[in-house]
Amino acid sequence: MKVLDLDAVRAFVLVADLASFTRAAAALDTTQSAVSLKLKRLEAHLGRQLLDRTPRLVRLSAEGKAFLDAARDLLQAHERALGALSVEHRKLAIGLSEHVAGANLPALLGRLKAHDPGLVVELHLGMSAALLEQFDERRFDAVIVRYEPDETPRAAGFLAIIGIINVPIVHFSVNWWNTLHQG
């Protein structure tokens, strides 16, 4: 039986979600080369190519797409197992529109983690409409999506974490979000 390196699986999921080795490395507080090495070792261990890489683009291979949901399940099971030993750890599942994810996202997540080390943030990138549908199905605790002025806003939930962010989380302006986490 093969045993998977959870750090490598976590790196794979982040690279898949963020479509970037550099952003995944920042979110993991490590280097891009360390993330790349973890993924090469994971692929070698599995005997499968999980990612298609080009100098400008990284995307999931067919085998990577097949592995991604199972990888997420593995990480969630790991977090649940750890959580059973500590009541301090809590999960926050956030859906984030590809339209609003920016280069400062890893820094914002770092501030969130520093503020509350017991919080496990599960980040999912996607298109706004799909994220809102998943939010309605209660698959996410919050979503950050692109808001079009002609849309009818939904009842907004709030992420009120002192010193981090205090805004309606379901709908708001992309320009406002970009201004917020650039400053």
N, C-alpha and C. Protein backbone atom coordinates (compact mmCIF):
# COMPACT_ATOMS: atom_id res chain seq x y z
N MET A 1 0.84 -1.19 0.00
CA MET A 1 0.00 0.00 0.00
C MET A 1 0.88 1.25 0.00
N LYS A 2 0.56 2.18 -0.87
CA LYS A 2 1.32 3.43 -0.95
C LYS A 2 0.78 4.41 0.08
N VAL A 3 1.70 5.09 0.75
CA VAL A 3 1.34 6.12 1.72
C VAL A 3 1.63 7.48 1.08
N LEU A 4 0.64 8.35 1.10
CA LEU A 4 0.79 9.67 0.48
C LEU A 4 1.35 10.68 1.47
N ASP A 5 2.20 11.56 0.96
CA ASP A 5 2.74 12.68 1.72
C ASP A 5 1.67 13.77 1.74
N LEU A 6 1.09 14.02 2.92
CA LEU A 6 0.00 15.00 3.01
C LEU A 6 0.44 16.40 2.60
N ASP A 7 1.69 16.77 2.89
CA ASP A 7 2.17 18.09 2.48
C ASP A 7 2.19 18.20 0.95
N ALA A 8 2.57 17.12 0.28
CA ALA A 8 2.58 17.12 -1.18
C ALA A 8 1.16 17.18 -1.73
N VAL A 9 0.25 16.46 -1.10
CA VAL A 9 -1.15 16.48 -1.53
C VAL A 9 -1.72 17.88 -1.33
N ARG A 10 -1.41 18.51 -0.19
CA ARG A 10 -1.88 19.87 0.08
C ARG A 10 -1.32 20.84 -0.97
N ALA A 11 -0.04 20.68 -1.31
CA ALA A 11 0.57 21.54 -2.34
C ALA A 11 -0.13 21.34 -3.68
N PHE A 12 -0.44 20.09 -4.02
CA PHE A 12 -1.14 19.79 -5.27
C PHE A 12 -2.50 20.50 -5.31
N VAL A 13 -3.26 20.40 -4.24
CA VAL A 13 -4.59 21.02 -4.20
C VAL A 13 -4.47 22.54 -4.34
N LEU A 14 -3.50 23.13 -3.66
CA LEU A 14 -3.32 24.59 -3.77
C LEU A 14 -2.90 25.00 -5.18
N VAL A 15 -1.99 24.26 -5.78
CA VAL A 15 -1.59 24.58 -7.16
C VAL A 15 -2.80 24.46 -8.08
N ALA A 16 -3.60 23.43 -7.88
CA ALA A 16 -4.81 23.26 -8.70
C ALA A 16 -5.78 24.42 -8.49
N ASP A 17 -5.99 24.82 -7.23
CA ASP A 17 -6.94 25.89 -6.93
C ASP A 17 -6.45 27.26 -7.39
N LEU A 18 -5.17 27.52 -7.21
CA LEU A 18 -4.62 28.84 -7.51
C LEU A 18 -4.01 28.93 -8.91
N ALA A 19 -3.89 27.79 -9.59
CA ALA A 19 -3.31 27.72 -10.94
C ALA A 19 -1.94 28.38 -11.00
N SER A 20 -1.17 28.21 -9.93
CA SER A 20 0.13 28.87 -9.87
C SER A 20 0.99 28.22 -8.79
N PHE A 21 2.22 27.85 -9.17
CA PHE A 21 3.17 27.34 -8.19
C PHE A 21 3.57 28.46 -7.23
N THR A 22 3.75 29.66 -7.76
CA THR A 22 4.19 30.80 -6.94
C THR A 22 3.15 31.15 -5.89
N ARG A 23 1.88 31.23 -6.27
CA ARG A 23 0.83 31.56 -5.29
C ARG A 23 0.67 30.44 -4.27
N ALA A 24 0.76 29.20 -4.73
CA ALA A 24 0.66 28.06 -3.80
C ALA A 24 1.82 28.11 -2.80
N ALA A 25 3.01 28.42 -3.28
CA ALA A 25 4.17 28.52 -2.39
C ALA A 25 3.97 29.62 -1.36
N ALA A 26 3.44 30.76 -1.79
CA ALA A 26 3.19 31.85 -0.85
C ALA A 26 2.16 31.44 0.20
N ALA A 27 1.11 30.75 -0.23
CA ALA A 27 0.08 30.30 0.71
C ALA A 27 0.63 29.28 1.70
N LEU A 28 1.62 28.49 1.27
CA LEU A 28 2.23 27.48 2.14
C LEU A 28 3.43 28.03 2.90
N ASP A 29 3.77 29.28 2.65
CA ASP A 29 4.92 29.93 3.28
C ASP A 29 6.21 29.15 2.99
N THR A 30 6.41 28.85 1.70
CA THR A 30 7.60 28.14 1.26
C THR A 30 8.01 28.69 -0.09
N THR A 31 8.94 28.04 -0.75
CA THR A 31 9.41 28.51 -2.05
C THR A 31 8.70 27.78 -3.18
N GLN A 32 8.73 28.41 -4.34
CA GLN A 32 8.14 27.80 -5.53
C GLN A 32 8.86 26.49 -5.86
N SER A 33 10.18 26.48 -5.70
CA SER A 33 10.93 25.26 -6.02
C SER A 33 10.59 24.12 -5.07
N ALA A 34 10.30 24.44 -3.80
CA ALA A 34 9.90 23.39 -2.85
C ALA A 34 8.56 22.79 -3.24
N VAL A 35 7.63 23.64 -3.67
CA VAL A 35 6.32 23.14 -4.11
C VAL A 35 6.49 22.29 -5.36
N SER A 36 7.30 22.74 -6.30
CA SER A 36 7.54 21.99 -7.52
C SER A 36 8.14 20.62 -7.21
N LEU A 37 9.10 20.57 -6.30
CA LEU A 37 9.73 19.31 -5.92
C LEU A 37 8.72 18.37 -5.26
N LYS A 38 7.88 18.91 -4.37
CA LYS A 38 6.85 18.08 -3.72
C LYS A 38 5.93 17.45 -4.76
N LEU A 39 5.53 18.25 -5.75
CA LEU A 39 4.62 17.74 -6.76
C LEU A 39 5.29 16.72 -7.67
N LYS A 40 6.56 16.94 -8.01
CA LYS A 40 7.28 15.94 -8.81
C LYS A 40 7.39 14.63 -8.05
N ARG A 41 7.67 14.70 -6.76
CA ARG A 41 7.76 13.48 -5.95
C ARG A 41 6.39 12.79 -5.83
N LEU A 42 5.33 13.58 -5.67
CA LEU A 42 3.99 13.01 -5.60
C LEU A 42 3.64 12.30 -6.91
N GLU A 43 3.93 12.96 -8.02
CA GLU A 43 3.66 12.35 -9.32
C GLU A 43 4.47 11.07 -9.51
N ALA A 44 5.74 11.09 -9.10
CA ALA A 44 6.58 9.89 -9.21
C ALA A 44 6.04 8.78 -8.32
N HIS A 45 5.62 9.13 -7.12
CA HIS A 45 5.08 8.15 -6.17
C HIS A 45 3.81 7.49 -6.72
N LEU A 46 2.97 8.30 -7.35
CA LEU A 46 1.71 7.79 -7.91
C LEU A 46 1.91 7.15 -9.29
N GLY A 47 3.03 7.49 -9.94
CA GLY A 47 3.24 7.00 -11.30
C GLY A 47 2.30 7.64 -12.30
N ARG A 48 1.88 8.86 -12.00
CA ARG A 48 0.92 9.58 -12.84
C ARG A 48 1.34 11.05 -12.95
N GLN A 49 1.06 11.65 -14.11
CA GLN A 49 1.27 13.09 -14.28
C GLN A 49 -0.02 13.79 -13.89
N LEU A 50 0.04 14.58 -12.83
CA LEU A 50 -1.15 15.26 -12.31
C LEU A 50 -1.35 16.63 -12.93
N LEU A 51 -0.26 17.24 -13.39
CA LEU A 51 -0.33 18.61 -13.91
C LEU A 51 0.29 18.68 -15.30
N ASP A 52 -0.29 19.53 -16.13
CA ASP A 52 0.32 19.90 -17.41
C ASP A 52 0.98 21.25 -17.17
N ARG A 53 2.28 21.32 -17.40
CA ARG A 53 3.04 22.53 -17.11
C ARG A 53 3.57 23.15 -18.39
N THR A 54 3.46 24.47 -18.47
CA THR A 54 4.14 25.25 -19.50
C THR A 54 4.79 26.41 -18.75
N PRO A 55 5.70 27.13 -19.39
CA PRO A 55 6.34 28.24 -18.67
C PRO A 55 5.35 29.28 -18.14
N ARG A 56 4.21 29.44 -18.80
CA ARG A 56 3.26 30.47 -18.39
C ARG A 56 1.98 29.92 -17.76
N LEU A 57 1.79 28.61 -17.80
CA LEU A 57 0.50 28.07 -17.40
C LEU A 57 0.67 26.72 -16.71
N VAL A 58 -0.12 26.50 -15.70
CA VAL A 58 -0.19 25.19 -15.07
C VAL A 58 -1.67 24.83 -14.97
N ARG A 59 -1.98 23.61 -15.39
CA ARG A 59 -3.37 23.16 -15.30
C ARG A 59 -3.37 21.66 -15.02
N LEU A 60 -4.51 21.19 -14.58
CA LEU A 60 -4.64 19.78 -14.25
C LEU A 60 -4.65 18.92 -15.51
N SER A 61 -3.94 17.81 -15.44
CA SER A 61 -4.05 16.80 -16.49
C SER A 61 -5.35 16.04 -16.25
N ALA A 62 -5.70 15.15 -17.14
CA ALA A 62 -6.91 14.34 -16.93
C ALA A 62 -6.78 13.53 -15.63
N GLU A 63 -5.58 12.99 -15.38
CA GLU A 63 -5.38 12.23 -14.14
C GLU A 63 -5.41 13.14 -12.92
N GLY A 64 -4.93 14.37 -13.07
CA GLY A 64 -4.99 15.34 -11.98
C GLY A 64 -6.42 15.69 -11.63
N LYS A 65 -7.26 15.85 -12.65
CA LYS A 65 -8.68 16.13 -12.41
C LYS A 65 -9.33 14.97 -11.66
N ALA A 66 -8.97 13.76 -12.05
CA ALA A 66 -9.54 12.58 -11.39
C ALA A 66 -9.07 12.48 -9.94
N PHE A 67 -7.86 12.91 -9.66
CA PHE A 67 -7.27 12.81 -8.32
C PHE A 67 -7.70 13.94 -7.39
N LEU A 68 -8.08 15.09 -7.95
CA LEU A 68 -8.32 16.29 -7.15
C LEU A 68 -9.38 16.12 -6.07
N ASP A 69 -10.54 15.60 -6.40
CA ASP A 69 -11.60 15.44 -5.39
C ASP A 69 -11.17 14.49 -4.28
N ALA A 70 -10.50 13.40 -4.65
CA ALA A 70 -10.02 12.45 -3.64
C ALA A 70 -8.95 13.11 -2.77
N ALA A 71 -8.12 13.95 -3.37
CA ALA A 71 -7.09 14.67 -2.60
C ALA A 71 -7.75 15.61 -1.59
N ARG A 72 -8.78 16.32 -2.03
CA ARG A 72 -9.51 17.21 -1.11
C ARG A 72 -10.13 16.40 0.03
N ASP A 73 -10.74 15.27 -0.31
CA ASP A 73 -11.35 14.41 0.71
C ASP A 73 -10.30 13.93 1.72
N LEU A 74 -9.12 13.57 1.21
CA LEU A 74 -8.04 13.12 2.10
C LEU A 74 -7.64 14.22 3.07
N LEU A 75 -7.46 15.44 2.55
CA LEU A 75 -7.07 16.55 3.42
C LEU A 75 -8.16 16.89 4.43
N GLN A 76 -9.41 16.83 4.00
CA GLN A 76 -10.51 17.09 4.92
C GLN A 76 -10.58 16.03 6.01
N ALA A 77 -10.37 14.77 5.63
CA ALA A 77 -10.37 13.68 6.62
C ALA A 77 -9.22 13.87 7.61
N HIS A 78 -8.09 14.31 7.11
CA HIS A 78 -6.94 14.57 7.97
C HIS A 78 -7.27 15.68 8.97
N GLU A 79 -7.88 16.76 8.48
CA GLU A 79 -8.24 17.87 9.36
C GLU A 79 -9.28 17.43 10.39
N ARG A 80 -10.24 16.61 9.98
CA ARG A 80 -11.24 16.10 10.93
C ARG A 80 -10.58 15.24 12.00
N ALA A 81 -9.63 14.41 11.60
CA ALA A 81 -8.93 13.55 12.56
C ALA A 81 -8.17 14.41 13.57
N LEU A 82 -7.49 15.43 13.09
CA LEU A 82 -6.78 16.33 14.00
C LEU A 82 -7.75 17.10 14.87
N GLY A 83 -8.86 17.51 14.28
CA GLY A 83 -9.87 18.27 15.01
C GLY A 83 -10.51 17.47 16.12
N ALA A 84 -10.55 16.17 15.96
CA ALA A 84 -11.13 15.32 17.01
C ALA A 84 -10.30 15.39 18.29
N LEU A 85 -9.05 15.76 18.15
CA LEU A 85 -8.17 15.86 19.31
C LEU A 85 -8.14 17.25 19.90
N SER A 86 -8.63 18.21 19.16
CA SER A 86 -8.57 19.59 19.62
C SER A 86 -9.85 20.32 19.22
N VAL A 87 -10.53 20.87 20.19
CA VAL A 87 -11.74 21.63 19.90
C VAL A 87 -11.42 23.03 19.40
N GLU A 88 -10.15 23.39 19.41
CA GLU A 88 -9.75 24.73 19.01
C GLU A 88 -9.75 24.93 17.49
N HIS A 89 -9.60 23.85 16.71
CA HIS A 89 -9.53 24.00 15.27
C HIS A 89 -10.93 24.08 14.66
N ARG A 90 -11.09 25.07 13.79
CA ARG A 90 -12.35 25.26 13.09
C ARG A 90 -12.06 25.43 11.61
N LYS A 91 -13.02 25.02 10.78
CA LYS A 91 -12.85 25.13 9.34
C LYS A 91 -13.72 26.26 8.80
N LEU A 92 -13.17 27.02 7.89
CA LEU A 92 -13.90 28.05 7.16
C LEU A 92 -13.73 27.75 5.68
N ALA A 93 -14.80 27.31 5.04
CA ALA A 93 -14.77 26.99 3.60
C ALA A 93 -15.20 28.23 2.83
N ILE A 94 -14.30 28.74 2.01
CA ILE A 94 -14.55 29.96 1.24
C ILE A 94 -14.47 29.65 -0.24
N GLY A 95 -15.49 30.06 -0.98
CA GLY A 95 -15.45 30.02 -2.44
C GLY A 95 -15.01 31.38 -2.93
N LEU A 96 -14.04 31.41 -3.82
CA LEU A 96 -13.48 32.67 -4.29
C LEU A 96 -13.54 32.71 -5.81
N SER A 97 -14.18 33.73 -6.34
CA SER A 97 -14.29 33.89 -7.79
C SER A 97 -12.92 34.12 -8.40
N GLU A 98 -12.71 33.50 -9.55
CA GLU A 98 -11.45 33.70 -10.27
C GLU A 98 -11.27 35.17 -10.65
N HIS A 99 -12.39 35.90 -10.74
CA HIS A 99 -12.33 37.31 -11.12
C HIS A 99 -11.74 38.19 -10.02
N VAL A 100 -11.82 37.76 -8.79
CA VAL A 100 -11.37 38.62 -7.69
C VAL A 100 -10.13 38.10 -6.98
N ALA A 101 -9.67 36.91 -7.31
CA ALA A 101 -8.45 36.39 -6.69
C ALA A 101 -7.29 37.23 -7.20
N GLY A 102 -6.51 37.76 -6.30
CA GLY A 102 -5.40 38.61 -6.69
C GLY A 102 -4.09 38.12 -6.11
N ALA A 103 -3.04 38.81 -6.49
CA ALA A 103 -1.70 38.44 -6.05
C ALA A 103 -1.53 38.58 -4.54
N ASN A 104 -2.36 39.40 -3.90
CA ASN A 104 -2.23 39.61 -2.45
C ASN A 104 -3.03 38.61 -1.63
N LEU A 105 -3.70 37.67 -2.28
CA LEU A 105 -4.49 36.68 -1.57
C LEU A 105 -3.66 35.89 -0.55
N PRO A 106 -2.46 35.39 -0.91
CA PRO A 106 -1.68 34.66 0.09
C PRO A 106 -1.35 35.51 1.33
N ALA A 107 -1.07 36.79 1.13
CA ALA A 107 -0.78 37.67 2.28
C ALA A 107 -2.02 37.82 3.15
N LEU A 108 -3.19 37.98 2.53
CA LEU A 108 -4.43 38.10 3.29
C LEU A 108 -4.71 36.83 4.08
N LEU A 109 -4.50 35.67 3.44
CA LEU A 109 -4.68 34.40 4.15
C LEU A 109 -3.67 34.25 5.28
N GLY A 110 -2.46 34.74 5.06
CA GLY A 110 -1.45 34.72 6.12
C GLY A 110 -1.87 35.55 7.32
N ARG A 111 -2.44 36.74 7.06
CA ARG A 111 -2.92 37.58 8.16
C ARG A 111 -4.05 36.90 8.91
N LEU A 112 -4.92 36.23 8.17
CA LEU A 112 -6.03 35.50 8.78
C LEU A 112 -5.50 34.38 9.66
N LYS A 113 -4.53 33.63 9.17
CA LYS A 113 -3.94 32.52 9.93
C LYS A 113 -3.21 33.05 11.17
N ALA A 114 -2.50 34.16 11.03
CA ALA A 114 -1.80 34.75 12.18
C ALA A 114 -2.79 35.22 13.24
N HIS A 115 -3.91 35.75 12.79
CA HIS A 115 -4.93 36.23 13.73
C HIS A 115 -5.58 35.08 14.48
N ASP A 116 -5.81 33.96 13.80
CA ASP A 116 -6.50 32.83 14.40
C ASP A 116 -5.85 31.52 13.95
N PRO A 117 -4.79 31.09 14.63
CA PRO A 117 -4.08 29.87 14.23
C PRO A 117 -4.95 28.61 14.25
N GLY A 118 -6.05 28.64 14.98
CA GLY A 118 -6.93 27.48 15.05
C GLY A 118 -7.89 27.38 13.88
N LEU A 119 -7.89 28.38 13.02
CA LEU A 119 -8.80 28.40 11.88
C LEU A 119 -8.14 27.73 10.68
N VAL A 120 -8.82 26.75 10.12
CA VAL A 120 -8.35 26.08 8.91
C VAL A 120 -9.18 26.62 7.76
N VAL A 121 -8.53 27.34 6.85
CA VAL A 121 -9.22 27.94 5.71
C VAL A 121 -9.13 26.98 4.53
N GLU A 122 -10.29 26.63 4.01
CA GLU A 122 -10.38 25.77 2.82
C GLU A 122 -10.84 26.67 1.69
N LEU A 123 -9.97 26.91 0.72
CA LEU A 123 -10.22 27.87 -0.34
C LEU A 123 -10.51 27.14 -1.65
N HIS A 124 -11.60 27.52 -2.31
CA HIS A 124 -11.99 26.93 -3.59
C HIS A 124 -12.16 28.04 -4.61
N LEU A 125 -11.42 27.99 -5.71
CA LEU A 125 -11.54 28.96 -6.79
C LEU A 125 -12.56 28.46 -7.80
N GLY A 126 -13.34 29.37 -8.36
CA GLY A 126 -14.31 28.98 -9.37
C GLY A 126 -14.98 30.19 -9.99
N MET A 127 -15.95 29.93 -10.82
CA MET A 127 -16.71 30.99 -11.45
C MET A 127 -17.83 31.43 -10.51
N SER A 128 -18.17 32.70 -10.55
CA SER A 128 -19.13 33.28 -9.62
C SER A 128 -20.45 32.52 -9.55
N ALA A 129 -21.05 32.23 -10.69
CA ALA A 129 -22.36 31.57 -10.70
C ALA A 129 -22.30 30.21 -10.01
N ALA A 130 -21.26 29.43 -10.31
CA ALA A 130 -21.13 28.10 -9.70
C ALA A 130 -20.88 28.22 -8.20
N LEU A 131 -20.08 29.20 -7.80
CA LEU A 131 -19.80 29.39 -6.37
C LEU A 131 -21.07 29.78 -5.61
N LEU A 132 -21.86 30.66 -6.20
CA LEU A 132 -23.11 31.07 -5.54
C LEU A 132 -24.07 29.89 -5.41
N GLU A 133 -24.11 29.05 -6.42
CA GLU A 133 -24.96 27.85 -6.35
C GLU A 133 -24.48 26.93 -5.22
N GLN A 134 -23.16 26.75 -5.11
CA GLN A 134 -22.60 25.90 -4.05
C GLN A 134 -22.82 26.54 -2.68
N PHE A 135 -22.78 27.86 -2.63
CA PHE A 135 -23.06 28.56 -1.37
C PHE A 135 -24.50 28.30 -0.95
N ASP A 136 -25.42 28.38 -1.91
CA ASP A 136 -26.83 28.11 -1.62
C ASP A 136 -27.04 26.68 -1.15
N GLU A 137 -26.18 25.77 -1.61
CA GLU A 137 -26.24 24.36 -1.18
C GLU A 137 -25.50 24.15 0.14
N ARG A 138 -25.01 25.25 0.73
CA ARG A 138 -24.28 25.24 2.00
C ARG A 138 -22.98 24.45 1.94
N ARG A 139 -22.33 24.44 0.77
CA ARG A 139 -21.03 23.79 0.65
C ARG A 139 -19.91 24.73 1.07
N PHE A 140 -20.21 26.04 1.14
CA PHE A 140 -19.24 27.03 1.59
C PHE A 140 -19.83 27.82 2.74
N ASP A 141 -18.95 28.28 3.62
CA ASP A 141 -19.37 29.17 4.69
C ASP A 141 -19.53 30.59 4.15
N ALA A 142 -18.74 30.91 3.13
CA ALA A 142 -18.77 32.24 2.54
C ALA A 142 -18.26 32.15 1.11
N VAL A 143 -18.67 33.10 0.29
CA VAL A 143 -18.12 33.22 -1.05
C VAL A 143 -17.78 34.68 -1.30
N ILE A 144 -16.74 34.88 -2.09
CA ILE A 144 -16.36 36.21 -2.54
C ILE A 144 -16.45 36.13 -4.06
N VAL A 145 -17.43 36.85 -4.62
CA VAL A 145 -17.71 36.73 -6.05
C VAL A 145 -17.83 38.10 -6.69
N ARG A 146 -17.80 38.08 -8.00
CA ARG A 146 -17.99 39.30 -8.76
C ARG A 146 -19.47 39.70 -8.68
N TYR A 147 -19.70 40.96 -8.43
CA TYR A 147 -21.07 41.49 -8.33
C TYR A 147 -21.31 42.43 -9.49
N GLU A 148 -22.36 42.18 -10.19
CA GLU A 148 -22.77 43.06 -11.27
C GLU A 148 -23.86 43.97 -10.74
N PRO A 149 -23.77 45.28 -10.96
CA PRO A 149 -24.74 46.23 -10.39
C PRO A 149 -26.20 45.93 -10.73
N ASP A 150 -26.46 45.25 -11.86
CA ASP A 150 -27.85 44.98 -12.21
C ASP A 150 -28.39 43.71 -11.54
N GLU A 151 -27.56 43.00 -10.76
CA GLU A 151 -28.02 41.80 -10.05
C GLU A 151 -28.69 42.18 -8.74
N THR A 152 -29.62 41.35 -8.32
CA THR A 152 -30.26 41.55 -7.02
C THR A 152 -29.38 40.91 -5.96
N PRO A 153 -28.88 41.69 -5.00
CA PRO A 153 -28.01 41.11 -3.98
C PRO A 153 -28.76 40.10 -3.12
N ARG A 154 -28.05 39.09 -2.67
CA ARG A 154 -28.60 38.12 -1.73
C ARG A 154 -28.38 38.63 -0.32
N ALA A 155 -28.98 37.96 0.62
CA ALA A 155 -28.72 38.32 2.02
C ALA A 155 -27.24 38.09 2.27
N ALA A 156 -26.56 39.09 2.76
CA ALA A 156 -25.11 39.01 2.92
C ALA A 156 -24.73 38.45 4.28
N GLY A 157 -23.77 37.55 4.26
CA GLY A 157 -23.15 37.09 5.50
C GLY A 157 -21.95 38.00 5.74
N PHE A 158 -21.39 37.97 6.90
CA PHE A 158 -20.25 38.83 7.18
C PHE A 158 -19.10 38.03 7.73
N LEU A 159 -17.91 38.35 7.25
CA LEU A 159 -16.68 37.82 7.81
C LEU A 159 -16.11 38.98 8.61
N ALA A 160 -16.36 38.96 9.90
CA ALA A 160 -15.96 40.09 10.74
C ALA A 160 -14.80 39.66 11.61
N ILE A 161 -13.65 39.66 11.05
CA ILE A 161 -12.47 39.25 11.79
C ILE A 161 -11.66 40.52 12.03
N ILE A 162 -11.48 40.83 13.27
CA ILE A 162 -10.88 42.10 13.67
C ILE A 162 -9.53 42.27 12.99
N GLY A 163 -9.38 43.42 12.34
CA GLY A 163 -8.12 43.76 11.71
C GLY A 163 -7.89 43.08 10.37
N ILE A 164 -8.78 42.23 9.95
CA ILE A 164 -8.58 41.53 8.69
C ILE A 164 -9.51 42.11 7.63
N ILE A 165 -10.81 41.88 7.79
CA ILE A 165 -11.78 42.32 6.81
C ILE A 165 -13.15 42.32 7.48
N ASN A 166 -13.97 43.29 7.16
CA ASN A 166 -15.32 43.37 7.71
C ASN A 166 -16.23 43.91 6.61
N VAL A 167 -16.69 43.00 5.75
CA VAL A 167 -17.46 43.41 4.58
C VAL A 167 -18.53 42.38 4.29
N PRO A 168 -19.58 42.79 3.55
CA PRO A 168 -20.51 41.77 3.05
C PRO A 168 -19.72 40.81 2.16
N ILE A 169 -19.89 39.54 2.36
CA ILE A 169 -19.02 38.58 1.68
C ILE A 169 -19.65 37.95 0.44
N VAL A 170 -20.96 38.10 0.25
CA VAL A 170 -21.59 37.45 -0.88
C VAL A 170 -21.43 38.29 -2.14
N HIS A 171 -21.72 39.56 -2.07
CA HIS A 171 -21.60 40.42 -3.24
C HIS A 171 -20.89 41.72 -2.87
N PHE A 172 -19.94 42.10 -3.68
CA PHE A 172 -19.39 43.44 -3.61
C PHE A 172 -18.56 43.69 -4.86
N SER A 173 -18.17 44.92 -5.05
CA SER A 173 -17.47 45.33 -6.26
C SER A 173 -16.08 44.73 -6.36
N VAL A 174 -15.72 44.24 -7.54
CA VAL A 174 -14.37 43.72 -7.77
C VAL A 174 -13.34 44.82 -7.56
N ASN A 175 -13.64 46.02 -8.04
CA ASN A 175 -12.70 47.13 -7.85
C ASN A 175 -12.49 47.41 -6.37
N TRP A 176 -13.57 47.35 -5.60
CA TRP A 176 -13.46 47.59 -4.16
C TRP A 176 -12.59 46.51 -3.52
N TRP A 177 -12.80 45.23 -3.87
CA TRP A 177 -12.00 44.12 -3.32
C TRP A 177 -10.52 44.31 -3.66
N ASN A 178 -10.23 44.64 -4.93
CA ASN A 178 -8.84 44.82 -5.34
C ASN A 178 -8.21 45.98 -4.58
N THR A 179 -8.96 47.06 -4.38
CA THR A 179 -8.44 48.19 -3.61
C THR A 179 -8.18 47.79 -2.17
N LEU A 180 -9.08 47.00 -1.59
CA LEU A 180 -8.94 46.57 -0.20
C LEU A 180 -7.66 45.80 0.03
N HIS A 181 -7.37 44.80 -0.79
CA HIS A 181 -6.21 44.00 -0.47
C HIS A 181 -4.95 44.40 -1.23
N GLN A 182 -4.97 45.58 -1.86
CA GLN A 182 -3.74 46.15 -2.38
C GLN A 182 -3.17 47.16 -1.39
N GLY A 183 -4.04 47.63 -0.49
CA GLY A 183 -3.64 48.68 0.43
C GLY A 183 -3.18 48.23 1.70
